[in-house]
């Protein structure tokens, strides 16, 4: 019913895909613990599949780690 309403509005997403998007954004902004709290999950292992990490973010973090180790 709700997904049909979204489609009627021209939004191709489902409520579930929007949940993934919201939790991914929350994780990027506040970390996985924040996303876990927003989702209401008891375990981070339940939250993790809802979040995506961009390859660019991985590279940036690894470069920062390398700089810290080198200094």
C-alpha atoms as a PDB file:
ATOM      1  CA  UNK A   1       0.000   0.000   0.000  1.00  0.00           C
ATOM      2  CA  UNK A   2       2.688   2.514   1.001  1.00  0.00           C
ATOM      3  CA  UNK A   3       4.957   1.447  -1.874  1.00  0.00           C
ATOM      4  CA  UNK A   4       2.026   1.936  -4.255  1.00  0.00           C
ATOM      5  CA  UNK A   5       1.586   5.440  -2.872  1.00  0.00           C
ATOM      6  CA  UNK A   6       5.272   6.164  -3.571  1.00  0.00           C
ATOM      7  CA  UNK A   7       4.886   4.846  -7.129  1.00  0.00           C
ATOM      8  CA  UNK A   8       1.783   7.005  -7.613  1.00  0.00           C
ATOM      9  CA  UNK A   9       3.947  10.000  -6.690  1.00  0.00           C
ATOM     10  CA  UNK A  10       6.526   8.954  -9.278  1.00  0.00           C
ATOM     11  CA  UNK A  11       9.021   7.758  -6.665  1.00  0.00           C
ATOM     12  CA  UNK A  12      10.548   4.464  -7.827  1.00  0.00           C
ATOM     13  CA  UNK A  13      11.884   3.547  -4.376  1.00  0.00           C
ATOM     14  CA  UNK A  14      10.281   1.277  -1.796  1.00  0.00           C
ATOM     15  CA  UNK A  15       9.998   2.026   1.898  1.00  0.00           C
ATOM     16  CA  UNK A  16      12.682  -0.583   2.486  1.00  0.00           C
ATOM     17  CA  UNK A  17      15.108   0.987  -0.012  1.00  0.00           C
ATOM     18  CA  UNK A  18      14.497   4.388   1.596  1.00  0.00           C
ATOM     19  CA  UNK A  19      15.324   2.826   4.979  1.00  0.00           C
ATOM     20  CA  UNK A  20      18.646   1.637   3.527  1.00  0.00           C
ATOM     21  CA  UNK A  21      19.337   5.132   2.194  1.00  0.00           C
ATOM     22  CA  UNK A  22      18.463   6.794   5.502  1.00  0.00           C
ATOM     23  CA  UNK A  23      20.638   4.429   7.542  1.00  0.00           C
ATOM     24  CA  UNK A  24      23.548   4.764   5.109  1.00  0.00           C
ATOM     25  CA  UNK A  25      23.393   8.551   5.421  1.00  0.00           C
ATOM     26  CA  UNK A  26      23.095   8.339   9.210  1.00  0.00           C
ATOM     27  CA  UNK A  27      26.129   6.052   9.313  1.00  0.00           C
ATOM     28  CA  UNK A  28      28.194   8.421   7.164  1.00  0.00           C
ATOM     29  CA  UNK A  29      27.268  11.403   9.306  1.00  0.00           C
ATOM     30  CA  UNK A  30      27.261   9.926  12.792  1.00  0.00           C
ATOM     31  CA  UNK A  31      28.737   6.439  12.576  1.00  0.00           C
ATOM     32  CA  UNK A  32      27.251   3.000  12.753  1.00  0.00           C
ATOM     33  CA  UNK A  33      26.181   3.334  16.393  1.00  0.00           C
ATOM     34  CA  UNK A  34      24.028   6.324  15.491  1.00  0.00           C
ATOM     35  CA  UNK A  35      22.497   4.379  12.601  1.00  0.00           C
ATOM     36  CA  UNK A  36      21.892   1.447  14.951  1.00  0.00           C
ATOM     37  CA  UNK A  37      19.997   3.655  17.395  1.00  0.00           C
ATOM     38  CA  UNK A  38      17.916   5.224  14.622  1.00  0.00           C
ATOM     39  CA  UNK A  39      17.029   1.779  13.283  1.00  0.00           C
ATOM     40  CA  UNK A  40      16.189   0.459  16.729  1.00  0.00           C
ATOM     41  CA  UNK A  41      18.402  -2.577  16.243  1.00  0.00           C
ATOM     42  CA  UNK A  42      19.741  -4.451  19.271  1.00  0.00           C
ATOM     43  CA  UNK A  43      22.903  -5.435  17.404  1.00  0.00           C
ATOM     44  CA  UNK A  44      25.266  -3.609  15.051  1.00  0.00           C
ATOM     45  CA  UNK A  45      25.426  -6.799  12.984  1.00  0.00           C
ATOM     46  CA  UNK A  46      21.761  -6.234  12.133  1.00  0.00           C
ATOM     47  CA  UNK A  47      22.428  -2.609  11.128  1.00  0.00           C
ATOM     48  CA  UNK A  48      25.544  -3.223   9.029  1.00  0.00           C
ATOM     49  CA  UNK A  49      23.770  -4.711   5.979  1.00  0.00           C
ATOM     50  CA  UNK A  50      21.588  -1.586   5.784  1.00  0.00           C
ATOM     51  CA  UNK A  51      24.604   0.667   5.284  1.00  0.00           C
ATOM     52  CA  UNK A  52      26.904   1.118   2.313  1.00  0.00           C
ATOM     53  CA  UNK A  53      30.434   2.458   2.334  1.00  0.00           C
ATOM     54  CA  UNK A  54      31.555   4.345  -0.744  1.00  0.00           C
ATOM     55  CA  UNK A  55      34.936   3.250  -2.158  1.00  0.00           C
ATOM     56  CA  UNK A  56      36.014   6.919  -2.110  1.00  0.00           C
ATOM     57  CA  UNK A  57      35.394   7.048   1.640  1.00  0.00           C
ATOM     58  CA  UNK A  58      37.501   3.918   2.130  1.00  0.00           C
ATOM     59  CA  UNK A  59      40.367   5.478   0.174  1.00  0.00           C
ATOM     60  CA  UNK A  60      40.185   8.728   2.134  1.00  0.00           C
ATOM     61  CA  UNK A  61      40.276   6.899   5.458  1.00  0.00           C
ATOM     62  CA  UNK A  62      43.156   4.669   4.410  1.00  0.00           C
ATOM     63  CA  UNK A  63      45.154   7.701   3.212  1.00  0.00           C
ATOM     64  CA  UNK A  64      44.512   9.410   6.558  1.00  0.00           C
ATOM     65  CA  UNK A  65      45.611   6.283   8.428  1.00  0.00           C
ATOM     66  CA  UNK A  66      48.761   6.112   6.315  1.00  0.00           C
ATOM     67  CA  UNK A  67      49.570   9.762   7.070  1.00  0.00           C
ATOM     68  CA  UNK A  68      49.146   9.183  10.830  1.00  0.00           C
ATOM     69  CA  UNK A  69      51.358   6.110  10.782  1.00  0.00           C
ATOM     70  CA  UNK A  70      54.037   7.909   8.761  1.00  0.00           C
ATOM     71  CA  UNK A  71      54.217  10.893  11.118  1.00  0.00           C
END
